[in-house]
Amino acid sequence: MSVTGTAGDLRTNVYRRALGDVCAQADDLLHDAGAGPGNPVAGVAAMIADAWTASGSTARAAFLADLAEAGLAWRGAVVGLRDDADARRDDEPVQIDVEAQPHLRWKTEQASLSARSRAV
């Protein structure tokens, strides 16, 4: 969408919207991971703990601790991604005047944004 007038060539900042989508997807991942601490492997860990109860193996506790740590690290990574995308989105203007800032035109075109994200 573009608006032409005395203000130049104002266009919607598609990049800003994409950052908002990243935030929403991260929130969905965190929600889907479960209530409480949101460890996505908690269910698997519980099943392993039940299965291992009869074995008497001393390796069980260490393995389950590693599994719990991995699940919590995953949550931390998703939270970090969401927070970074949220901060970047806040720094972006809603519209960009591509006449005054032609170097930012890529932020206003979905095709350019897609090509740029594939190149990274």
N, C-alpha and C. Protein backbone atom coordinates (compact mmCIF):
# COMPACT_ATOMS: atom_id res chain seq x y z
N MET A 1 0.85 -1.18 0.00
CA MET A 1 0.00 0.00 0.00
C MET A 1 0.89 1.23 0.00
N SER A 2 0.62 2.14 -0.86
CA SER A 2 1.39 3.37 -0.87
C SER A 2 0.46 4.57 -0.89
N VAL A 3 0.95 5.63 -0.30
CA VAL A 3 0.21 6.89 -0.27
C VAL A 3 1.15 7.95 -0.81
N THR A 4 0.73 8.62 -1.88
CA THR A 4 1.58 9.64 -2.48
C THR A 4 0.98 11.01 -2.19
N GLY A 5 1.85 11.94 -1.86
CA GLY A 5 1.38 13.30 -1.57
C GLY A 5 2.56 14.16 -1.20
N THR A 6 2.30 15.21 -0.46
CA THR A 6 3.37 16.12 -0.09
C THR A 6 4.35 15.49 0.88
N ALA A 7 3.96 14.43 1.54
CA ALA A 7 4.84 13.79 2.51
C ALA A 7 5.81 12.83 1.84
N GLY A 8 5.82 12.75 0.53
CA GLY A 8 6.70 11.82 -0.15
C GLY A 8 5.92 10.59 -0.58
N ASP A 9 6.57 9.45 -0.52
CA ASP A 9 5.95 8.18 -0.91
C ASP A 9 5.92 7.27 0.31
N LEU A 10 4.89 7.43 1.14
CA LEU A 10 4.77 6.64 2.37
C LEU A 10 4.23 5.25 2.07
N ARG A 11 4.92 4.24 2.60
CA ARG A 11 4.49 2.85 2.41
C ARG A 11 4.51 2.12 3.75
N THR A 12 3.63 1.15 3.85
CA THR A 12 3.55 0.34 5.06
C THR A 12 4.85 -0.43 5.25
N ASN A 13 5.33 -0.45 6.48
CA ASN A 13 6.55 -1.17 6.83
C ASN A 13 6.21 -2.65 7.04
N VAL A 14 6.41 -3.45 6.00
CA VAL A 14 6.10 -4.88 6.03
C VAL A 14 7.06 -5.60 6.99
N TYR A 15 8.27 -5.13 7.08
CA TYR A 15 9.25 -5.72 8.00
C TYR A 15 8.76 -5.62 9.43
N ARG A 16 8.18 -4.50 9.80
CA ARG A 16 7.65 -4.32 11.15
C ARG A 16 6.54 -5.33 11.42
N ARG A 17 5.67 -5.53 10.43
CA ARG A 17 4.61 -6.53 10.58
C ARG A 17 5.18 -7.92 10.74
N ALA A 18 6.21 -8.24 9.97
CA ALA A 18 6.84 -9.57 10.05
C ALA A 18 7.43 -9.80 11.44
N LEU A 19 8.02 -8.77 12.02
CA LEU A 19 8.55 -8.89 13.38
C LEU A 19 7.41 -9.15 14.37
N GLY A 20 6.27 -8.52 14.16
CA GLY A 20 5.10 -8.79 15.00
C GLY A 20 4.63 -10.22 14.86
N ASP A 21 4.70 -10.77 13.63
CA ASP A 21 4.33 -12.17 13.41
C ASP A 21 5.28 -13.11 14.15
N VAL A 22 6.56 -12.77 14.18
CA VAL A 22 7.54 -13.57 14.93
C VAL A 22 7.17 -13.61 16.40
N CYS A 23 6.81 -12.47 16.95
CA CYS A 23 6.40 -12.39 18.36
C CYS A 23 5.19 -13.28 18.63
N ALA A 24 4.21 -13.20 17.75
CA ALA A 24 2.99 -14.00 17.92
C ALA A 24 3.28 -15.49 17.82
N GLN A 25 4.13 -15.88 16.87
CA GLN A 25 4.48 -17.30 16.72
C GLN A 25 5.26 -17.80 17.92
N ALA A 26 6.14 -16.99 18.45
CA ALA A 26 6.90 -17.38 19.64
C ALA A 26 5.96 -17.55 20.84
N ASP A 27 5.01 -16.63 20.99
CA ASP A 27 4.03 -16.76 22.07
C ASP A 27 3.21 -18.03 21.91
N ASP A 28 2.83 -18.36 20.67
CA ASP A 28 2.09 -19.60 20.43
C ASP A 28 2.92 -20.83 20.81
N LEU A 29 4.20 -20.81 20.45
CA LEU A 29 5.09 -21.93 20.82
C LEU A 29 5.18 -22.09 22.33
N LEU A 30 5.32 -20.97 23.01
CA LEU A 30 5.42 -21.02 24.47
C LEU A 30 4.11 -21.52 25.09
N HIS A 31 3.00 -21.10 24.54
CA HIS A 31 1.70 -21.54 25.05
C HIS A 31 1.51 -23.04 24.79
N ASP A 32 1.86 -23.48 23.58
CA ASP A 32 1.70 -24.88 23.21
C ASP A 32 2.63 -25.80 24.00
N ALA A 33 3.72 -25.24 24.51
CA ALA A 33 4.67 -26.05 25.27
C ALA A 33 4.09 -26.48 26.61
N GLY A 34 3.06 -25.83 27.05
CA GLY A 34 2.39 -26.24 28.29
C GLY A 34 2.38 -25.15 29.33
N ALA A 35 1.57 -25.37 30.32
CA ALA A 35 1.43 -24.41 31.42
C ALA A 35 2.64 -24.49 32.34
N GLY A 36 2.71 -23.59 33.28
CA GLY A 36 3.82 -23.59 34.24
C GLY A 36 5.10 -23.15 33.57
N PRO A 37 6.17 -23.89 33.81
CA PRO A 37 7.45 -23.47 33.24
C PRO A 37 7.53 -23.65 31.73
N GLY A 38 6.60 -24.40 31.16
CA GLY A 38 6.58 -24.54 29.71
C GLY A 38 7.67 -25.41 29.13
N ASN A 39 8.04 -26.46 29.85
CA ASN A 39 9.07 -27.37 29.35
C ASN A 39 8.42 -28.33 28.36
N PRO A 40 8.77 -28.25 27.07
CA PRO A 40 8.11 -29.08 26.07
C PRO A 40 8.44 -30.57 26.18
N VAL A 41 9.47 -30.91 26.93
CA VAL A 41 9.82 -32.33 27.07
C VAL A 41 9.37 -32.89 28.42
N ALA A 42 8.61 -32.12 29.19
CA ALA A 42 8.17 -32.58 30.51
C ALA A 42 7.35 -33.86 30.43
N GLY A 43 6.46 -33.96 29.47
CA GLY A 43 5.65 -35.17 29.32
C GLY A 43 6.50 -36.39 29.00
N VAL A 44 7.47 -36.21 28.12
CA VAL A 44 8.37 -37.30 27.77
C VAL A 44 9.21 -37.71 28.99
N ALA A 45 9.68 -36.71 29.72
CA ALA A 45 10.49 -36.99 30.91
C ALA A 45 9.69 -37.79 31.93
N ALA A 46 8.42 -37.45 32.09
CA ALA A 46 7.57 -38.19 33.04
C ALA A 46 7.39 -39.63 32.60
N MET A 47 7.21 -39.84 31.31
CA MET A 47 7.06 -41.22 30.80
C MET A 47 8.35 -42.01 31.01
N ILE A 48 9.49 -41.38 30.75
CA ILE A 48 10.77 -42.06 30.95
C ILE A 48 10.98 -42.37 32.42
N ALA A 49 10.66 -41.43 33.28
CA ALA A 49 10.82 -41.65 34.73
C ALA A 49 9.97 -42.83 35.19
N ASP A 50 8.74 -42.93 34.69
CA ASP A 50 7.88 -44.06 35.05
C ASP A 50 8.45 -45.37 34.54
N ALA A 51 8.93 -45.36 33.31
CA ALA A 51 9.47 -46.58 32.72
C ALA A 51 10.75 -47.02 33.41
N TRP A 52 11.53 -46.05 33.88
CA TRP A 52 12.82 -46.34 34.48
C TRP A 52 12.71 -46.70 35.96
N THR A 53 11.56 -46.48 36.55
CA THR A 53 11.40 -46.72 37.98
C THR A 53 11.78 -48.14 38.36
N ALA A 54 11.40 -49.07 37.54
CA ALA A 54 11.67 -50.48 37.85
C ALA A 54 13.12 -50.87 37.59
N SER A 55 13.84 -50.10 36.83
CA SER A 55 15.19 -50.52 36.44
C SER A 55 16.22 -50.33 37.55
N GLY A 56 16.03 -49.33 38.38
CA GLY A 56 17.01 -49.07 39.43
C GLY A 56 18.30 -48.46 38.92
N SER A 57 18.32 -48.00 37.70
CA SER A 57 19.53 -47.44 37.10
C SER A 57 19.89 -46.11 37.75
N THR A 58 21.17 -45.94 38.03
CA THR A 58 21.65 -44.69 38.62
C THR A 58 21.79 -43.60 37.56
N ALA A 59 21.79 -43.97 36.29
CA ALA A 59 21.91 -43.00 35.19
C ALA A 59 20.61 -42.23 34.99
N ARG A 60 19.51 -42.75 35.53
CA ARG A 60 18.20 -42.14 35.31
C ARG A 60 18.17 -40.68 35.75
N ALA A 61 18.62 -40.41 36.95
CA ALA A 61 18.53 -39.05 37.50
C ALA A 61 19.32 -38.05 36.65
N ALA A 62 20.52 -38.43 36.24
CA ALA A 62 21.34 -37.54 35.43
C ALA A 62 20.70 -37.30 34.05
N PHE A 63 20.17 -38.36 33.47
CA PHE A 63 19.54 -38.23 32.16
C PHE A 63 18.31 -37.32 32.24
N LEU A 64 17.49 -37.53 33.25
CA LEU A 64 16.28 -36.71 33.40
C LEU A 64 16.64 -35.25 33.69
N ALA A 65 17.71 -35.03 34.43
CA ALA A 65 18.15 -33.66 34.69
C ALA A 65 18.60 -32.99 33.40
N ASP A 66 19.34 -33.72 32.57
CA ASP A 66 19.78 -33.18 31.27
C ASP A 66 18.58 -32.87 30.37
N LEU A 67 17.59 -33.78 30.40
CA LEU A 67 16.40 -33.59 29.59
C LEU A 67 15.62 -32.35 30.05
N ALA A 68 15.51 -32.17 31.35
CA ALA A 68 14.82 -31.00 31.90
C ALA A 68 15.56 -29.71 31.53
N GLU A 69 16.87 -29.76 31.61
CA GLU A 69 17.68 -28.58 31.27
C GLU A 69 17.52 -28.22 29.79
N ALA A 70 17.49 -29.24 28.94
CA ALA A 70 17.30 -29.00 27.50
C ALA A 70 15.95 -28.35 27.24
N GLY A 71 14.91 -28.82 27.92
CA GLY A 71 13.58 -28.25 27.74
C GLY A 71 13.52 -26.81 28.19
N LEU A 72 14.18 -26.50 29.29
CA LEU A 72 14.18 -25.13 29.79
C LEU A 72 15.03 -24.22 28.92
N ALA A 73 16.11 -24.75 28.36
CA ALA A 73 16.96 -23.96 27.46
C ALA A 73 16.16 -23.60 26.20
N TRP A 74 15.35 -24.52 25.73
CA TRP A 74 14.51 -24.26 24.56
C TRP A 74 13.57 -23.09 24.86
N ARG A 75 12.96 -23.12 26.01
CA ARG A 75 12.04 -22.05 26.39
C ARG A 75 12.79 -20.70 26.44
N GLY A 76 13.97 -20.71 27.02
CA GLY A 76 14.76 -19.48 27.10
C GLY A 76 15.11 -18.93 25.72
N ALA A 77 15.41 -19.84 24.79
CA ALA A 77 15.74 -19.41 23.43
C ALA A 77 14.53 -18.78 22.74
N VAL A 78 13.36 -19.37 22.92
CA VAL A 78 12.15 -18.84 22.30
C VAL A 78 11.78 -17.48 22.92
N VAL A 79 11.92 -17.37 24.23
CA VAL A 79 11.64 -16.10 24.90
C VAL A 79 12.62 -15.03 24.40
N GLY A 80 13.89 -15.40 24.26
CA GLY A 80 14.90 -14.45 23.74
C GLY A 80 14.58 -13.99 22.34
N LEU A 81 14.16 -14.93 21.49
CA LEU A 81 13.78 -14.58 20.12
C LEU A 81 12.60 -13.62 20.12
N ARG A 82 11.59 -13.94 20.93
CA ARG A 82 10.40 -13.07 21.00
C ARG A 82 10.77 -11.67 21.50
N ASP A 83 11.57 -11.61 22.55
CA ASP A 83 11.94 -10.30 23.12
C ASP A 83 12.76 -9.47 22.14
N ASP A 84 13.67 -10.13 21.40
CA ASP A 84 14.48 -9.43 20.41
C ASP A 84 13.60 -8.89 19.27
N ALA A 85 12.70 -9.74 18.78
CA ALA A 85 11.81 -9.31 17.70
C ALA A 85 10.90 -8.18 18.17
N ASP A 86 10.45 -8.26 19.41
CA ASP A 86 9.58 -7.22 19.97
C ASP A 86 10.32 -5.88 20.06
N ALA A 87 11.57 -5.92 20.50
CA ALA A 87 12.37 -4.69 20.61
C ALA A 87 12.65 -4.10 19.22
N ARG A 88 12.96 -4.97 18.26
CA ARG A 88 13.21 -4.49 16.90
C ARG A 88 11.95 -3.88 16.29
N ARG A 89 10.79 -4.52 16.54
CA ARG A 89 9.53 -4.00 16.03
C ARG A 89 9.25 -2.61 16.60
N ASP A 90 9.50 -2.46 17.90
CA ASP A 90 9.27 -1.16 18.54
C ASP A 90 10.14 -0.06 17.94
N ASP A 91 11.32 -0.43 17.42
CA ASP A 91 12.23 0.55 16.83
C ASP A 91 11.86 0.91 15.38
N GLU A 92 10.95 0.16 14.79
CA GLU A 92 10.58 0.37 13.39
C GLU A 92 9.40 1.32 13.26
N PRO A 93 9.43 2.22 12.29
CA PRO A 93 8.27 3.07 12.04
C PRO A 93 7.15 2.26 11.37
N VAL A 94 5.92 2.71 11.53
CA VAL A 94 4.78 2.04 10.91
C VAL A 94 4.83 2.21 9.39
N GLN A 95 5.26 3.39 8.95
CA GLN A 95 5.39 3.67 7.53
C GLN A 95 6.78 4.21 7.23
N ILE A 96 7.19 3.99 5.98
CA ILE A 96 8.50 4.47 5.52
C ILE A 96 8.29 5.31 4.28
N ASP A 97 8.94 6.46 4.26
CA ASP A 97 8.92 7.33 3.08
C ASP A 97 10.05 6.86 2.18
N VAL A 98 9.70 6.06 1.17
CA VAL A 98 10.73 5.49 0.30
C VAL A 98 11.33 6.52 -0.65
N GLU A 99 10.65 7.64 -0.79
CA GLU A 99 11.22 8.72 -1.61
C GLU A 99 12.40 9.36 -0.86
N ALA A 100 12.22 9.57 0.44
CA ALA A 100 13.26 10.19 1.25
C ALA A 100 14.31 9.17 1.70
N GLN A 101 13.91 7.88 1.82
CA GLN A 101 14.81 6.83 2.30
C GLN A 101 14.74 5.62 1.37
N PRO A 102 15.24 5.77 0.15
CA PRO A 102 15.14 4.66 -0.81
C PRO A 102 15.88 3.39 -0.37
N HIS A 103 16.87 3.53 0.48
CA HIS A 103 17.62 2.37 0.96
C HIS A 103 16.78 1.48 1.88
N LEU A 104 15.63 1.99 2.33
CA LEU A 104 14.73 1.20 3.19
C LEU A 104 13.55 0.63 2.43
N ARG A 105 13.54 0.78 1.13
CA ARG A 105 12.43 0.28 0.31
C ARG A 105 12.20 -1.22 0.54
N TRP A 106 13.25 -1.99 0.76
CA TRP A 106 13.10 -3.44 0.97
C TRP A 106 12.17 -3.76 2.13
N LYS A 107 12.07 -2.87 3.10
CA LYS A 107 11.21 -3.09 4.25
C LYS A 107 9.73 -2.93 3.91
N THR A 108 9.44 -2.39 2.73
CA THR A 108 8.05 -2.13 2.34
C THR A 108 7.54 -3.11 1.29
N GLU A 109 8.39 -4.01 0.84
CA GLU A 109 8.01 -4.95 -0.23
C GLU A 109 8.18 -6.38 0.26
N GLN A 110 7.08 -7.14 0.26
CA GLN A 110 7.11 -8.51 0.75
C GLN A 110 8.12 -9.37 -0.02
N ALA A 111 8.17 -9.21 -1.33
CA ALA A 111 9.10 -10.00 -2.13
C ALA A 111 10.55 -9.71 -1.74
N SER A 112 10.88 -8.45 -1.53
CA SER A 112 12.25 -8.09 -1.13
C SER A 112 12.56 -8.62 0.26
N LEU A 113 11.59 -8.56 1.15
CA LEU A 113 11.78 -9.06 2.50
C LEU A 113 12.00 -10.58 2.48
N SER A 114 11.22 -11.29 1.68
CA SER A 114 11.36 -12.73 1.57
C SER A 114 12.73 -13.11 0.99
N ALA A 115 13.14 -12.40 -0.05
CA ALA A 115 14.44 -12.68 -0.67
C ALA A 115 15.56 -12.41 0.31
N ARG A 116 15.43 -11.36 1.05
CA ARG A 116 16.46 -10.98 2.03
C ARG A 116 16.55 -12.02 3.16
N SER A 117 15.42 -12.53 3.61
CA SER A 117 15.42 -13.51 4.70
C SER A 117 16.00 -14.85 4.22
N ARG A 118 15.80 -15.19 2.96
CA ARG A 118 16.38 -16.43 2.42
C ARG A 118 17.89 -16.32 2.26
N ALA A 119 18.38 -15.10 2.05
CA ALA A 119 19.81 -14.89 1.82
C ALA A 119 20.64 -14.98 3.10
N VAL A 120 19.98 -14.87 4.24
CA VAL A 120 20.71 -14.87 5.52
C VAL A 120 21.16 -16.23 5.91
